[in-house]
């Protein structure tokens, strides 16, 4: 079930949400480091991570699921946000080049169907960046943050989900090694936590960040061909033998 958009907006306005935005935003920017002239779509509640792309890319869109609700974005410019059905996006085939999915796959009732719809609107060679809660992380175990709601994923689970929707995972990352503690003095050490967790490759990060590419051709099962050395036996039809004369 999707959290209400008001609760999401409130979380990102709090100190823990500000730190969350900063740490995940760095990882998003490192993956999509050059979007000049491209169309970027954020789906779920991606507006905290889209602002850095607005002045660089050709077009930026923010789609929010109907069960979640929508807020105006950006606040001081013509709106680029829309309320949609996440399984029927109002875009033509192959219309966007980059997609950022956050607060989406763990919330939607059918993540596979959503990914297939994302596949449809992505251009050939397009990239998808999924940010999902890590089932082994602390963030998925407490409900004081949006990643503590919905279904968390292991690496194997999100990989299988992407491949079933014809995406190929090409890069992995993690973020939010700091525990989700609402204390300003504790949050001041967030960057140190993040550096330590990444350098030690700790398995308890709050979120997985996986980049995947669109497979253009759907794989089909191959039929086994008959061997060229196969010998075919002639089929003989029965023939009536002549009756002897005088019989």
Protein backbone atom coordinates (compact mmCIF):
# COMPACT_ATOMS: atom_id res chain seq x y z
CA UNK A 1 0.00 0.00 0.00
CA UNK A 2 1.32 3.43 -0.93
CA UNK A 3 1.95 5.96 1.85
CA UNK A 4 0.14 9.26 1.54
CA UNK A 5 1.99 11.93 -0.39
CA UNK A 6 1.57 14.33 2.55
CA UNK A 7 3.49 11.92 4.80
CA UNK A 8 6.26 11.57 2.20
CA UNK A 9 6.59 15.32 1.83
CA UNK A 10 6.66 15.70 5.62
CA UNK A 11 9.41 13.09 5.98
CA UNK A 12 11.70 14.82 3.49
CA UNK A 13 11.20 18.12 5.32
CA UNK A 14 12.51 16.64 8.59
CA UNK A 15 16.24 16.37 9.46
CA UNK A 16 16.30 12.61 8.78
CA UNK A 17 14.63 13.17 5.43
CA UNK A 18 17.10 15.91 4.50
CA UNK A 19 20.00 13.51 5.21
CA UNK A 20 18.24 10.74 3.28
CA UNK A 21 17.82 13.01 0.29
CA UNK A 22 21.47 14.03 0.40
CA UNK A 23 22.90 10.50 0.68
CA UNK A 24 20.65 8.86 -1.92
CA UNK A 25 20.92 11.92 -4.17
CA UNK A 26 24.69 11.49 -4.36
CA UNK A 27 24.27 7.90 -5.51
CA UNK A 28 21.63 8.86 -8.08
CA UNK A 29 23.81 11.61 -9.49
CA UNK A 30 26.84 9.33 -9.73
CA UNK A 31 24.83 6.87 -11.84
CA UNK A 32 23.15 9.45 -14.08
CA UNK A 33 26.09 11.83 -14.31
CA UNK A 34 25.29 13.15 -17.79
CA UNK A 35 21.68 13.61 -18.88
CA UNK A 36 22.22 16.55 -21.20
CA UNK A 37 19.61 16.50 -23.96
CA UNK A 38 17.78 13.49 -22.47
CA UNK A 39 14.25 12.99 -21.12
CA UNK A 40 14.19 11.97 -17.45
CA UNK A 41 11.15 10.47 -15.71
CA UNK A 42 10.75 10.04 -11.96
CA UNK A 43 8.04 7.62 -10.88
CA UNK A 44 6.80 6.93 -7.36
CA UNK A 45 7.87 9.82 -5.15
CA UNK A 46 11.02 10.88 -6.95
CA UNK A 47 10.82 14.68 -6.74
CA UNK A 48 13.47 14.94 -3.97
CA UNK A 49 15.97 13.49 -6.47
CA UNK A 50 14.90 15.15 -9.72
CA UNK A 51 15.82 18.77 -9.04
CA UNK A 52 19.49 18.34 -9.98
CA UNK A 53 18.48 17.29 -13.51
CA UNK A 54 16.02 20.06 -14.38
CA UNK A 55 18.51 22.55 -15.80
CA UNK A 56 20.51 19.93 -17.65
CA UNK A 57 18.14 17.49 -19.33
CA UNK A 58 15.76 18.23 -22.18
CA UNK A 59 12.63 17.27 -20.26
CA UNK A 60 11.87 16.24 -16.65
CA UNK A 61 8.63 14.58 -15.56
CA UNK A 62 7.39 13.35 -12.17
CA UNK A 63 4.65 10.70 -12.16
CA UNK A 64 2.99 9.84 -8.85
CA UNK A 65 0.67 6.81 -8.39
CA UNK A 66 -3.01 7.49 -7.86
CA UNK A 67 -3.08 5.56 -4.57
CA UNK A 68 -0.36 7.83 -3.20
CA UNK A 69 -1.53 11.26 -4.35
CA UNK A 70 0.33 14.08 -6.03
CA UNK A 71 1.92 17.36 -4.96
CA UNK A 72 2.87 20.33 -7.06
CA UNK A 73 6.45 20.14 -8.38
CA UNK A 74 8.38 22.33 -8.80
CA UNK A 75 6.78 24.80 -6.42
CA UNK A 76 7.91 28.00 -8.18
CA UNK A 77 7.51 27.01 -11.84
CA UNK A 78 4.94 25.41 -14.14
CA UNK A 79 4.14 22.00 -12.73
CA UNK A 80 5.89 18.93 -14.10
CA UNK A 81 4.12 16.43 -11.85
CA UNK A 82 1.08 14.31 -12.70
CA UNK A 83 -1.15 11.77 -11.01
CA UNK A 84 -1.12 8.50 -12.98
CA UNK A 85 -1.93 4.82 -12.92
CA UNK A 86 1.55 3.32 -12.55
CA UNK A 87 0.58 0.39 -14.78
CA UNK A 88 -0.68 2.62 -17.64
CA UNK A 89 1.69 5.55 -18.06
CA UNK A 90 0.40 8.36 -20.34
CA UNK A 91 3.46 8.26 -22.61
CA UNK A 92 4.21 6.90 -26.06
CA UNK A 93 6.51 3.93 -26.55
CA UNK A 94 10.21 4.71 -26.19
CA UNK A 95 9.64 8.32 -25.14
CA UNK A 96 12.06 8.67 -22.18
CA UNK A 97 15.76 7.99 -21.80
CA UNK A 98 16.21 7.69 -18.02
CA UNK A 99 13.80 6.56 -15.29
CA UNK A 100 14.24 6.91 -11.52
CA UNK A 101 11.91 4.66 -9.51
CA UNK A 102 11.81 5.35 -5.77
CA UNK A 103 9.08 4.60 -3.20
CA UNK A 104 7.44 2.55 -5.94
CA UNK A 105 8.29 -1.14 -6.37
CA UNK A 106 7.97 -2.00 -2.69
CA UNK A 107 4.54 -0.32 -2.55
CA UNK A 108 2.72 -1.29 -5.75
CA UNK A 109 0.55 -4.45 -5.78
CA UNK A 110 2.17 -5.72 -9.01
CA UNK A 111 5.80 -4.64 -9.35
CA UNK A 112 6.31 -6.82 -12.41
CA UNK A 113 3.51 -5.12 -14.34
CA UNK A 114 4.87 -1.69 -13.40
CA UNK A 115 8.33 -2.62 -14.65
CA UNK A 116 6.90 -3.86 -17.94
CA UNK A 117 5.18 -0.51 -18.39
CA UNK A 118 8.45 1.29 -17.63
CA UNK A 119 10.12 -0.93 -20.23
CA UNK A 120 7.55 0.20 -22.80
CA UNK A 121 8.14 3.94 -22.35
CA UNK A 122 11.95 3.64 -22.21
CA UNK A 123 13.87 4.26 -25.41
CA UNK A 124 16.19 1.52 -26.72
CA UNK A 125 19.33 1.69 -24.63
CA UNK A 126 17.48 3.58 -21.90
CA UNK A 127 18.42 3.21 -18.25
CA UNK A 128 16.33 2.52 -15.17
CA UNK A 129 17.53 3.32 -11.65
CA UNK A 130 15.61 1.48 -8.92
CA UNK A 131 15.91 2.50 -5.27
CA UNK A 132 14.36 -0.18 -3.05
CA UNK A 133 14.60 -1.01 0.67
CA UNK A 134 17.13 -3.66 1.64
CA UNK A 135 15.45 -6.50 3.53
CA UNK A 136 18.61 -6.97 5.62
CA UNK A 137 18.84 -3.30 6.56
CA UNK A 138 17.62 -1.48 9.66
CA UNK A 139 15.55 1.02 7.64
CA UNK A 140 13.14 -1.72 6.48
CA UNK A 141 12.52 -2.78 10.11
CA UNK A 142 11.30 0.53 11.54
CA UNK A 143 8.35 2.59 10.39
CA UNK A 144 9.65 6.11 11.04
CA UNK A 145 10.66 6.38 7.38
CA UNK A 146 9.06 5.51 4.00
CA UNK A 147 11.47 2.61 3.41
CA UNK A 148 10.00 0.89 6.48
CA UNK A 149 6.72 0.30 4.63
CA UNK A 150 5.89 -2.15 1.87
CA UNK A 151 7.98 -5.07 0.68
CA UNK A 152 11.79 -4.94 1.08
CA UNK A 153 14.01 -6.79 -1.38
CA UNK A 154 17.16 -8.86 -1.38
CA UNK A 155 19.61 -8.57 -4.25
CA UNK A 156 18.39 -11.84 -5.70
CA UNK A 157 14.73 -10.80 -5.53
CA UNK A 158 15.18 -7.45 -7.26
CA UNK A 159 17.45 -9.05 -9.88
CA UNK A 160 14.86 -11.72 -10.69
CA UNK A 161 12.11 -9.08 -10.85
CA UNK A 162 14.07 -6.92 -13.30
CA UNK A 163 15.07 -9.81 -15.53
CA UNK A 164 11.48 -11.06 -15.71
CA UNK A 165 10.53 -7.61 -17.06
CA UNK A 166 13.32 -7.74 -19.69
CA UNK A 167 15.82 -5.51 -17.89
CA UNK A 168 19.49 -6.34 -17.43
CA UNK A 169 21.07 -5.14 -14.15
CA UNK A 170 24.42 -3.50 -14.94
CA UNK A 171 25.48 -1.73 -11.72
CA UNK A 172 24.81 -2.02 -8.00
CA UNK A 173 25.13 0.35 -5.11
CA UNK A 174 23.87 0.86 -1.58
CA UNK A 175 23.06 3.85 0.57
CA UNK A 176 21.82 4.74 4.06
CA UNK A 177 24.32 2.91 6.23
CA UNK A 178 23.41 5.27 9.05
CA UNK A 179 20.54 4.04 11.28
CA UNK A 180 17.27 6.00 10.93
CA UNK A 181 17.64 7.96 14.18
CA UNK A 182 15.82 11.29 14.51
CA UNK A 183 18.57 13.09 16.45
CA UNK A 184 20.36 16.11 15.01
CA UNK A 185 23.62 15.40 16.86
CA UNK A 186 23.60 11.83 15.48
CA UNK A 187 22.80 12.88 11.93
CA UNK A 188 25.86 15.14 11.82
CA UNK A 189 27.96 12.01 11.40
CA UNK A 190 25.91 10.69 8.46
CA UNK A 191 28.67 11.19 5.88
CA UNK A 192 31.18 9.34 8.07
CA UNK A 193 28.74 6.45 8.47
CA UNK A 194 28.22 6.35 4.72
CA UNK A 195 31.93 6.32 3.91
CA UNK A 196 32.66 3.62 6.46
CA UNK A 197 29.81 1.39 5.29
CA UNK A 198 30.74 1.73 1.63
CA UNK A 199 34.47 1.14 2.21
CA UNK A 200 33.80 -2.00 4.28
CA UNK A 201 31.06 -3.26 1.91
CA UNK A 202 28.71 -3.83 4.83
CA UNK A 203 25.54 -5.78 3.92
CA UNK A 204 23.17 -3.76 6.12
CA UNK A 205 22.60 -0.61 4.06
CA UNK A 206 19.10 0.82 4.09
CA UNK A 207 18.50 0.69 0.34
CA UNK A 208 19.68 -1.06 -2.79
CA UNK A 209 20.36 1.16 -5.79
CA UNK A 210 20.39 -0.89 -8.97
CA UNK A 211 20.88 0.41 -12.50
CA UNK A 212 19.41 -1.66 -15.33
CA UNK A 213 19.25 -1.40 -19.10
CA UNK A 214 16.35 -2.21 -21.37
CA UNK A 215 16.58 -5.42 -23.37
CA UNK A 216 15.31 -4.54 -26.82
CA UNK A 217 14.70 -8.07 -28.04
CA UNK A 218 12.60 -10.52 -26.10
CA UNK A 219 14.34 -13.88 -25.73
CA UNK A 220 12.47 -16.81 -27.22
CA UNK A 221 13.10 -20.50 -26.57
CA UNK A 222 15.04 -22.31 -29.28
CA UNK A 223 13.63 -25.43 -30.86
CA UNK A 224 15.91 -28.39 -31.21
CA UNK A 225 16.72 -29.04 -34.82
CA UNK A 226 16.77 -32.54 -36.17
CA UNK A 227 20.25 -33.93 -36.67
CA UNK A 228 21.47 -33.94 -40.26
CA UNK A 229 22.75 -37.46 -39.71
CA UNK A 230 19.31 -38.75 -38.92
CA UNK A 231 18.46 -41.65 -41.25
CA UNK A 232 14.90 -41.94 -42.42
CA UNK A 233 13.59 -45.44 -43.03
CA UNK A 234 11.27 -45.88 -46.04
CA UNK A 235 7.70 -46.73 -45.26
CA UNK A 236 6.59 -49.84 -47.12
CA UNK A 237 2.97 -50.32 -47.94
CA UNK A 238 1.56 -53.86 -48.00
CA UNK A 239 0.97 -55.28 -51.49
CA UNK A 240 -1.44 -58.09 -52.33
CA UNK A 241 0.52 -61.11 -53.59
CA UNK A 242 -0.84 -62.61 -56.87
CA UNK A 243 -2.92 -65.73 -56.48
CA UNK A 244 -1.40 -68.78 -58.18
CA UNK A 245 -3.04 -69.91 -61.43
CA UNK A 246 -5.57 -72.58 -61.07
CA UNK A 247 -5.98 -71.91 -57.38
